N, C-alpha and C. Protein backbone atom coordinates (compact mmCIF):
# COMPACT_ATOMS: atom_id res chain seq x y z
N UNK A 1 -122.97 130.13 -52.84
CA UNK A 1 -122.11 129.07 -52.38
C UNK A 1 -120.67 129.47 -52.70
N UNK A 2 -119.80 129.43 -51.71
CA UNK A 2 -118.39 129.71 -51.93
C UNK A 2 -117.65 128.41 -52.18
N UNK A 3 -116.84 128.40 -53.23
CA UNK A 3 -116.07 127.21 -53.57
C UNK A 3 -114.62 127.49 -53.22
N UNK A 4 -114.00 126.62 -52.41
CA UNK A 4 -112.58 126.82 -52.09
C UNK A 4 -111.75 126.85 -53.38
N UNK A 5 -110.67 127.62 -53.34
CA UNK A 5 -109.86 127.79 -54.53
C UNK A 5 -109.21 126.50 -55.02
N UNK A 6 -109.01 125.53 -54.16
CA UNK A 6 -108.35 124.30 -54.58
C UNK A 6 -109.29 123.30 -55.25
N UNK A 7 -110.59 123.62 -55.35
CA UNK A 7 -111.52 122.75 -56.06
C UNK A 7 -111.67 123.28 -57.48
N UNK A 8 -111.37 122.42 -58.47
CA UNK A 8 -111.47 122.89 -59.85
C UNK A 8 -112.92 123.21 -60.22
N UNK A 9 -113.10 124.25 -60.97
CA UNK A 9 -114.42 124.66 -61.44
C UNK A 9 -114.51 124.32 -62.92
N UNK A 10 -115.63 123.78 -63.32
CA UNK A 10 -115.82 123.46 -64.72
C UNK A 10 -115.73 124.73 -65.55
N UNK A 11 -115.29 124.62 -66.81
CA UNK A 11 -115.15 125.81 -67.65
C UNK A 11 -116.42 126.65 -67.72
N UNK A 12 -117.57 126.00 -67.63
CA UNK A 12 -118.82 126.74 -67.72
C UNK A 12 -119.10 127.52 -66.44
N UNK A 13 -118.37 127.23 -65.36
CA UNK A 13 -118.62 127.89 -64.09
C UNK A 13 -119.87 127.36 -63.41
N UNK A 14 -120.37 126.19 -63.79
CA UNK A 14 -121.63 125.67 -63.28
C UNK A 14 -121.46 124.65 -62.16
N UNK A 15 -120.27 124.50 -61.62
CA UNK A 15 -120.08 123.52 -60.55
C UNK A 15 -121.03 123.75 -59.38
N UNK A 16 -121.20 124.98 -58.88
CA UNK A 16 -122.14 125.17 -57.77
C UNK A 16 -123.56 124.72 -58.12
N UNK A 17 -124.00 124.99 -59.34
CA UNK A 17 -125.35 124.59 -59.75
C UNK A 17 -125.45 123.07 -59.85
N UNK A 18 -124.38 122.41 -60.30
CA UNK A 18 -124.38 120.95 -60.40
C UNK A 18 -124.40 120.32 -59.02
N UNK A 19 -123.63 120.89 -58.08
CA UNK A 19 -123.61 120.38 -56.71
C UNK A 19 -124.99 120.53 -56.09
N UNK A 20 -125.63 121.67 -56.29
CA UNK A 20 -126.96 121.90 -55.73
C UNK A 20 -127.97 120.92 -56.34
N UNK A 21 -127.80 120.59 -57.62
CA UNK A 21 -128.72 119.68 -58.29
C UNK A 21 -128.73 118.31 -57.62
N UNK A 22 -127.58 117.84 -57.14
CA UNK A 22 -127.52 116.51 -56.53
C UNK A 22 -127.60 116.54 -55.01
N UNK A 23 -127.78 117.70 -54.41
CA UNK A 23 -127.88 117.84 -52.96
C UNK A 23 -129.23 117.32 -52.48
N UNK A 24 -129.22 116.24 -51.70
CA UNK A 24 -130.46 115.63 -51.23
C UNK A 24 -131.17 116.48 -50.20
N UNK A 25 -130.48 117.43 -49.58
CA UNK A 25 -131.13 118.30 -48.60
C UNK A 25 -131.92 119.41 -49.28
N UNK A 26 -131.69 119.58 -50.56
CA UNK A 26 -132.39 120.59 -51.33
C UNK A 26 -133.55 119.92 -52.06
N UNK A 27 -134.68 120.58 -52.14
CA UNK A 27 -135.84 120.00 -52.82
C UNK A 27 -136.96 119.73 -51.85
N UNK A 28 -138.11 119.43 -52.42
CA UNK A 28 -139.31 119.17 -51.63
C UNK A 28 -139.52 117.68 -51.48
N UNK A 29 -139.70 117.20 -50.23
CA UNK A 29 -139.97 115.76 -50.06
C UNK A 29 -141.31 115.40 -50.69
N UNK A 30 -141.37 114.23 -51.31
CA UNK A 30 -142.62 113.76 -51.91
C UNK A 30 -142.89 112.35 -51.41
N UNK A 31 -144.12 111.93 -51.49
CA UNK A 31 -144.53 110.64 -50.95
C UNK A 31 -144.38 109.49 -51.93
N UNK A 32 -143.37 109.53 -52.78
CA UNK A 32 -143.15 108.46 -53.74
C UNK A 32 -142.05 107.54 -53.24
N UNK A 33 -142.00 106.34 -53.78
CA UNK A 33 -140.95 105.40 -53.45
C UNK A 33 -141.50 104.18 -52.75
N UNK A 34 -140.95 103.03 -53.08
CA UNK A 34 -141.35 101.75 -52.52
C UNK A 34 -140.51 101.48 -51.27
N UNK A 35 -141.15 101.10 -50.17
CA UNK A 35 -140.43 100.77 -48.95
C UNK A 35 -139.90 99.35 -49.09
N UNK A 36 -138.63 99.24 -49.40
CA UNK A 36 -138.00 97.94 -49.65
C UNK A 36 -137.86 97.12 -48.38
N UNK A 37 -137.65 97.81 -47.25
CA UNK A 37 -137.46 97.09 -45.98
C UNK A 37 -136.35 96.07 -46.11
N UNK A 38 -136.52 94.87 -45.54
CA UNK A 38 -135.47 93.84 -45.62
C UNK A 38 -135.52 93.03 -46.92
N UNK A 39 -136.45 93.37 -47.78
CA UNK A 39 -136.64 92.61 -49.03
C UNK A 39 -135.42 92.72 -49.94
N UNK A 40 -135.07 91.64 -50.60
CA UNK A 40 -133.97 91.62 -51.55
C UNK A 40 -134.40 92.41 -52.79
N UNK A 41 -133.57 93.36 -53.26
CA UNK A 41 -133.96 94.15 -54.43
C UNK A 41 -134.20 93.29 -55.68
N UNK A 42 -133.55 92.12 -55.76
CA UNK A 42 -133.77 91.25 -56.91
C UNK A 42 -135.16 90.63 -56.92
N UNK A 43 -135.76 90.43 -55.75
CA UNK A 43 -137.14 89.95 -55.70
C UNK A 43 -138.07 90.98 -56.35
N UNK A 44 -137.88 92.23 -55.98
CA UNK A 44 -138.69 93.31 -56.55
C UNK A 44 -138.41 93.46 -58.04
N UNK A 45 -137.15 93.38 -58.43
CA UNK A 45 -136.77 93.48 -59.84
C UNK A 45 -137.48 92.39 -60.65
N UNK A 46 -137.43 91.15 -60.17
CA UNK A 46 -138.06 90.05 -60.90
C UNK A 46 -139.58 90.19 -60.96
N UNK A 47 -140.17 90.70 -59.89
CA UNK A 47 -141.62 90.91 -59.87
C UNK A 47 -142.03 91.91 -60.95
N UNK A 48 -141.28 93.01 -61.07
CA UNK A 48 -141.59 94.03 -62.09
C UNK A 48 -141.23 93.50 -63.48
N UNK A 49 -140.12 92.81 -63.59
CA UNK A 49 -139.66 92.28 -64.88
C UNK A 49 -140.70 91.35 -65.51
N UNK A 50 -141.40 90.61 -64.69
CA UNK A 50 -142.40 89.67 -65.20
C UNK A 50 -143.63 90.36 -65.80
N UNK A 51 -143.75 91.67 -65.62
CA UNK A 51 -144.91 92.41 -66.15
C UNK A 51 -144.55 93.28 -67.35
N UNK A 52 -143.30 93.22 -67.82
CA UNK A 52 -142.89 94.14 -68.88
C UNK A 52 -141.84 93.49 -69.78
N UNK A 53 -141.67 94.06 -70.95
CA UNK A 53 -140.61 93.64 -71.86
C UNK A 53 -139.44 94.60 -71.83
N UNK A 54 -139.46 95.54 -70.89
CA UNK A 54 -138.41 96.54 -70.79
C UNK A 54 -137.35 96.13 -69.77
N UNK A 55 -136.23 96.83 -69.83
CA UNK A 55 -135.23 96.67 -68.77
C UNK A 55 -135.85 97.18 -67.47
N UNK A 56 -135.36 96.65 -66.35
CA UNK A 56 -135.81 97.09 -65.03
C UNK A 56 -134.57 97.41 -64.21
N UNK A 57 -134.61 98.57 -63.53
CA UNK A 57 -133.51 98.98 -62.67
C UNK A 57 -134.08 99.47 -61.35
N UNK A 58 -133.61 98.87 -60.25
CA UNK A 58 -134.04 99.25 -58.91
C UNK A 58 -133.01 100.22 -58.35
N UNK A 59 -133.47 101.39 -57.89
CA UNK A 59 -132.56 102.43 -57.41
C UNK A 59 -132.96 102.92 -56.02
N UNK A 60 -131.98 103.51 -55.32
CA UNK A 60 -132.27 104.21 -54.07
C UNK A 60 -131.46 105.51 -54.07
N UNK A 61 -131.72 106.34 -53.09
CA UNK A 61 -131.13 107.68 -53.00
C UNK A 61 -131.39 108.43 -54.31
N UNK A 62 -132.65 108.53 -54.65
CA UNK A 62 -133.06 109.14 -55.91
C UNK A 62 -133.66 110.52 -55.69
N UNK A 63 -133.69 111.29 -56.77
CA UNK A 63 -134.32 112.60 -56.80
C UNK A 63 -135.15 112.71 -58.07
N UNK A 64 -136.33 113.28 -57.94
CA UNK A 64 -137.19 113.55 -59.10
C UNK A 64 -136.83 114.95 -59.59
N UNK A 65 -136.41 115.05 -60.83
CA UNK A 65 -136.05 116.34 -61.41
C UNK A 65 -137.12 116.79 -62.40
N UNK A 66 -137.77 117.91 -62.12
CA UNK A 66 -138.61 118.60 -63.09
C UNK A 66 -137.68 119.54 -63.84
N UNK A 67 -137.62 119.40 -65.14
CA UNK A 67 -136.64 120.13 -65.93
C UNK A 67 -137.16 121.52 -66.29
N UNK A 68 -136.37 122.52 -65.93
CA UNK A 68 -136.68 123.91 -66.27
C UNK A 68 -136.24 124.15 -67.71
N UNK A 69 -137.21 124.28 -68.59
CA UNK A 69 -136.89 124.45 -70.01
C UNK A 69 -136.74 125.91 -70.39
N UNK A 70 -136.85 126.79 -69.43
CA UNK A 70 -136.64 128.21 -69.70
C UNK A 70 -135.19 128.59 -69.42
N UNK A 71 -134.31 127.66 -69.67
CA UNK A 71 -132.88 127.82 -69.44
C UNK A 71 -132.31 128.86 -70.40
N UNK A 72 -131.64 129.84 -69.86
CA UNK A 72 -131.08 130.91 -70.69
C UNK A 72 -129.92 130.45 -71.56
N UNK A 73 -129.43 129.23 -71.35
CA UNK A 73 -128.32 128.71 -72.13
C UNK A 73 -128.74 128.30 -73.54
N UNK A 74 -130.03 128.15 -73.74
CA UNK A 74 -130.53 127.70 -75.04
C UNK A 74 -131.41 128.78 -75.65
N UNK A 75 -131.40 128.83 -76.98
CA UNK A 75 -132.25 129.79 -77.68
C UNK A 75 -133.69 129.28 -77.68
N UNK A 76 -134.60 130.17 -77.97
CA UNK A 76 -136.01 129.78 -78.02
C UNK A 76 -136.24 128.73 -79.11
N UNK A 77 -135.53 128.84 -80.22
CA UNK A 77 -135.69 127.86 -81.30
C UNK A 77 -135.15 126.49 -80.87
N UNK A 78 -134.07 126.46 -80.06
CA UNK A 78 -133.56 125.19 -79.54
C UNK A 78 -134.61 124.54 -78.64
N UNK A 79 -135.19 125.34 -77.75
CA UNK A 79 -136.19 124.82 -76.82
C UNK A 79 -137.41 124.32 -77.60
N UNK A 80 -137.84 125.06 -78.61
CA UNK A 80 -138.97 124.62 -79.44
C UNK A 80 -138.66 123.29 -80.12
N UNK A 81 -137.42 123.14 -80.58
CA UNK A 81 -136.99 121.90 -81.22
C UNK A 81 -137.03 120.75 -80.21
N UNK A 82 -136.47 120.97 -79.01
CA UNK A 82 -136.48 119.94 -77.97
C UNK A 82 -137.92 119.51 -77.67
N UNK A 83 -138.80 120.51 -77.51
CA UNK A 83 -140.19 120.20 -77.20
C UNK A 83 -140.84 119.39 -78.31
N UNK A 84 -140.64 119.78 -79.54
CA UNK A 84 -141.23 119.06 -80.68
C UNK A 84 -140.73 117.61 -80.72
N UNK A 85 -139.43 117.42 -80.53
CA UNK A 85 -138.85 116.08 -80.55
C UNK A 85 -139.40 115.21 -79.41
N UNK A 86 -139.51 115.78 -78.22
CA UNK A 86 -140.01 115.03 -77.07
C UNK A 86 -141.47 114.64 -77.27
N UNK A 87 -142.28 115.59 -77.68
CA UNK A 87 -143.71 115.30 -77.87
C UNK A 87 -143.91 114.25 -78.97
N UNK A 88 -143.07 114.28 -80.01
CA UNK A 88 -143.16 113.29 -81.09
C UNK A 88 -142.87 111.89 -80.56
N UNK A 89 -142.09 111.80 -79.49
CA UNK A 89 -141.76 110.51 -78.89
C UNK A 89 -142.72 110.13 -77.76
N UNK A 90 -143.77 110.94 -77.58
CA UNK A 90 -144.76 110.64 -76.54
C UNK A 90 -144.34 111.05 -75.15
N UNK A 91 -143.38 111.97 -75.05
CA UNK A 91 -142.86 112.41 -73.76
C UNK A 91 -143.48 113.76 -73.41
N UNK A 92 -143.97 113.87 -72.18
CA UNK A 92 -144.57 115.13 -71.73
C UNK A 92 -143.55 116.25 -71.76
N UNK A 93 -144.05 117.47 -71.90
CA UNK A 93 -143.20 118.65 -71.88
C UNK A 93 -143.74 119.59 -70.84
N UNK A 94 -142.98 120.16 -69.96
CA UNK A 94 -141.55 119.93 -69.81
C UNK A 94 -141.28 118.55 -69.21
N UNK A 95 -140.11 117.98 -69.51
CA UNK A 95 -139.80 116.62 -69.08
C UNK A 95 -139.44 116.53 -67.60
N UNK A 96 -139.52 115.29 -67.10
CA UNK A 96 -139.05 114.95 -65.76
C UNK A 96 -138.07 113.80 -65.89
N UNK A 97 -137.08 113.77 -65.00
CA UNK A 97 -136.08 112.71 -64.99
C UNK A 97 -135.82 112.31 -63.54
N UNK A 98 -135.17 111.18 -63.38
CA UNK A 98 -134.73 110.75 -62.06
C UNK A 98 -133.20 110.74 -62.05
N UNK A 99 -132.64 111.26 -60.98
CA UNK A 99 -131.21 111.16 -60.73
C UNK A 99 -131.09 110.27 -59.50
N UNK A 100 -130.46 109.10 -59.65
CA UNK A 100 -130.33 108.18 -58.53
C UNK A 100 -128.86 107.94 -58.23
N UNK A 101 -128.54 107.97 -56.97
CA UNK A 101 -127.15 107.81 -56.53
C UNK A 101 -126.72 106.35 -56.48
N UNK A 102 -127.68 105.41 -56.45
CA UNK A 102 -127.29 104.02 -56.28
C UNK A 102 -128.20 103.08 -57.05
N UNK A 103 -127.62 102.25 -57.89
CA UNK A 103 -128.34 101.17 -58.56
C UNK A 103 -128.20 99.93 -57.67
N UNK A 104 -129.34 99.40 -57.23
CA UNK A 104 -129.35 98.21 -56.36
C UNK A 104 -129.37 96.92 -57.17
N UNK A 105 -130.11 96.94 -58.27
CA UNK A 105 -130.25 95.75 -59.12
C UNK A 105 -130.71 96.22 -60.49
N UNK A 106 -130.29 95.50 -61.54
CA UNK A 106 -130.68 95.90 -62.89
C UNK A 106 -130.62 94.74 -63.86
N UNK A 107 -131.47 94.80 -64.87
CA UNK A 107 -131.41 93.86 -65.98
C UNK A 107 -130.73 94.51 -67.19
N UNK A 108 -130.40 95.78 -67.09
CA UNK A 108 -129.80 96.53 -68.19
C UNK A 108 -128.29 96.28 -68.23
N UNK A 109 -127.77 95.72 -69.31
CA UNK A 109 -126.32 95.44 -69.38
C UNK A 109 -125.46 96.70 -69.43
N UNK A 110 -126.07 97.85 -69.68
CA UNK A 110 -125.31 99.11 -69.72
C UNK A 110 -125.08 99.70 -68.34
N UNK A 111 -125.79 99.21 -67.32
CA UNK A 111 -125.68 99.74 -65.97
C UNK A 111 -124.93 98.77 -65.07
N UNK A 112 -124.33 99.31 -64.01
CA UNK A 112 -123.65 98.48 -63.02
C UNK A 112 -124.21 98.77 -61.64
N UNK A 113 -124.41 97.72 -60.88
CA UNK A 113 -124.87 97.88 -59.51
C UNK A 113 -123.87 98.72 -58.72
N UNK A 114 -124.40 99.57 -57.86
CA UNK A 114 -123.56 100.43 -57.04
C UNK A 114 -123.25 101.77 -57.69
N UNK A 115 -123.50 101.90 -58.98
CA UNK A 115 -123.23 103.16 -59.68
C UNK A 115 -124.46 104.06 -59.64
N UNK A 116 -124.29 105.28 -60.12
CA UNK A 116 -125.38 106.25 -60.20
C UNK A 116 -125.99 106.19 -61.59
N UNK A 117 -127.17 106.78 -61.75
CA UNK A 117 -127.83 106.85 -63.05
C UNK A 117 -128.71 108.09 -63.11
N UNK A 118 -128.72 108.70 -64.28
CA UNK A 118 -129.68 109.77 -64.59
C UNK A 118 -130.52 109.22 -65.73
N UNK A 119 -131.83 109.17 -65.54
CA UNK A 119 -132.70 108.55 -66.53
C UNK A 119 -132.89 109.44 -67.75
N UNK A 120 -133.47 108.85 -68.75
CA UNK A 120 -134.01 109.64 -69.85
C UNK A 120 -135.38 110.15 -69.38
N UNK A 121 -136.07 110.96 -70.18
CA UNK A 121 -137.32 111.55 -69.70
C UNK A 121 -138.44 110.55 -69.41
N UNK A 122 -139.26 110.94 -68.46
CA UNK A 122 -140.42 110.16 -68.04
C UNK A 122 -141.42 109.99 -69.19
N UNK A 123 -141.90 108.77 -69.36
CA UNK A 123 -142.99 108.49 -70.29
C UNK A 123 -144.26 108.21 -69.49
N UNK A 124 -144.10 107.47 -68.37
CA UNK A 124 -145.27 107.10 -67.54
C UNK A 124 -144.81 106.87 -66.11
N UNK A 125 -145.62 107.32 -65.16
CA UNK A 125 -145.34 107.08 -63.74
C UNK A 125 -146.56 106.38 -63.14
N UNK A 126 -146.30 105.28 -62.40
CA UNK A 126 -147.43 104.55 -61.83
C UNK A 126 -147.07 103.94 -60.47
N UNK A 127 -148.09 103.66 -59.73
CA UNK A 127 -148.00 103.00 -58.42
C UNK A 127 -147.11 103.74 -57.42
N UNK A 128 -146.84 105.00 -57.64
CA UNK A 128 -146.02 105.84 -56.75
C UNK A 128 -144.57 105.39 -56.62
N UNK A 129 -144.11 104.47 -57.50
CA UNK A 129 -142.70 104.09 -57.43
C UNK A 129 -142.13 103.56 -58.75
N UNK A 130 -142.94 103.44 -59.79
CA UNK A 130 -142.45 102.95 -61.08
C UNK A 130 -142.34 104.11 -62.08
N UNK A 131 -141.10 104.50 -62.35
CA UNK A 131 -140.79 105.61 -63.25
C UNK A 131 -140.37 104.99 -64.58
N UNK A 132 -141.24 105.11 -65.58
CA UNK A 132 -141.01 104.44 -66.85
C UNK A 132 -140.50 105.42 -67.90
N UNK A 133 -139.41 105.03 -68.57
CA UNK A 133 -138.87 105.79 -69.69
C UNK A 133 -139.10 104.95 -70.96
N UNK A 134 -138.56 105.38 -72.06
CA UNK A 134 -138.76 104.67 -73.32
C UNK A 134 -138.29 103.22 -73.24
N UNK A 135 -137.15 102.96 -72.60
CA UNK A 135 -136.57 101.62 -72.60
C UNK A 135 -136.49 100.93 -71.25
N UNK A 136 -136.71 101.67 -70.16
CA UNK A 136 -136.45 101.12 -68.83
C UNK A 136 -137.54 101.52 -67.85
N UNK A 137 -137.82 100.62 -66.92
CA UNK A 137 -138.67 100.96 -65.77
C UNK A 137 -137.74 101.05 -64.56
N UNK A 138 -137.73 102.21 -63.92
CA UNK A 138 -136.93 102.43 -62.72
C UNK A 138 -137.84 102.26 -61.51
N UNK A 139 -137.42 101.39 -60.61
CA UNK A 139 -138.16 101.14 -59.38
C UNK A 139 -137.53 102.02 -58.31
N UNK A 140 -138.28 103.03 -57.87
CA UNK A 140 -137.78 103.98 -56.88
C UNK A 140 -138.01 103.39 -55.49
N UNK A 141 -136.93 103.15 -54.74
CA UNK A 141 -137.07 102.63 -53.39
C UNK A 141 -136.70 103.71 -52.39
N UNK A 142 -137.41 103.73 -51.30
CA UNK A 142 -137.17 104.74 -50.28
C UNK A 142 -137.69 106.09 -50.73
N UNK A 143 -137.57 107.10 -49.85
CA UNK A 143 -138.05 108.43 -50.18
C UNK A 143 -137.05 109.19 -51.03
N UNK A 144 -137.53 110.25 -51.66
CA UNK A 144 -136.66 111.12 -52.44
C UNK A 144 -137.28 112.49 -52.60
N UNK A 145 -136.46 113.52 -52.81
CA UNK A 145 -137.00 114.86 -52.99
C UNK A 145 -137.34 115.15 -54.45
N UNK A 146 -138.13 116.18 -54.65
CA UNK A 146 -138.47 116.66 -55.99
C UNK A 146 -137.96 118.09 -56.09
N UNK A 147 -137.31 118.39 -57.22
CA UNK A 147 -136.75 119.72 -57.39
C UNK A 147 -136.76 120.12 -58.85
N UNK A 148 -136.55 121.39 -59.09
CA UNK A 148 -136.45 121.93 -60.44
C UNK A 148 -134.97 122.06 -60.77
N UNK A 149 -134.59 121.51 -61.93
CA UNK A 149 -133.20 121.53 -62.38
C UNK A 149 -133.18 122.06 -63.81
N UNK A 150 -132.19 122.87 -64.12
CA UNK A 150 -132.11 123.42 -65.47
C UNK A 150 -131.84 122.32 -66.48
N UNK A 151 -132.28 122.54 -67.70
CA UNK A 151 -132.06 121.59 -68.79
C UNK A 151 -130.58 121.36 -69.00
N UNK A 152 -129.80 122.40 -68.95
CA UNK A 152 -128.35 122.30 -69.18
C UNK A 152 -127.69 121.40 -68.12
N UNK A 153 -128.06 121.58 -66.87
CA UNK A 153 -127.49 120.77 -65.80
C UNK A 153 -127.96 119.32 -65.94
N UNK A 154 -129.24 119.12 -66.21
CA UNK A 154 -129.76 117.75 -66.32
C UNK A 154 -129.05 116.96 -67.41
N UNK A 155 -128.84 117.55 -68.56
CA UNK A 155 -128.20 116.79 -69.64
C UNK A 155 -126.68 116.69 -69.47
N UNK A 156 -126.13 117.49 -68.56
CA UNK A 156 -124.68 117.38 -68.32
C UNK A 156 -124.34 116.13 -67.51
N UNK A 157 -125.33 115.55 -66.83
CA UNK A 157 -125.13 114.30 -66.09
C UNK A 157 -125.43 113.13 -67.02
N UNK A 158 -124.45 112.71 -67.76
CA UNK A 158 -124.66 111.58 -68.66
C UNK A 158 -123.42 110.76 -68.78
């Protein structure tokens, strides 16, 4: 990918990799996501909220990220540490996350509707549209691609 000279490049030189990570045309389409249709996202939010004690966030324009933990930016001991910490918290290794371009509705006071979100790692996935993390259930609406993203890039979106 050629970057025009007038676009600033991050000191790490990873701007092209970051752009590719959020490119919806890149990745494999998967059959996950709830077809919201004309339904109000708050109806769906309330339906899910009534079944859990966690925050609920309804998102669209999402991507499923399988995290590449063989990232050359980290030492083997760093990766071993990350894996040990994740498994101790009940999180599968290697982790998966969701990057969503739009929050439609949320009960989480830290999030704002209309903004983007990158989740923490997946703890449980169910019903082909409920992506559960330690504190939040993300309701995936519409289709989204699945792709492999480096650990360094994934954690840089925060």
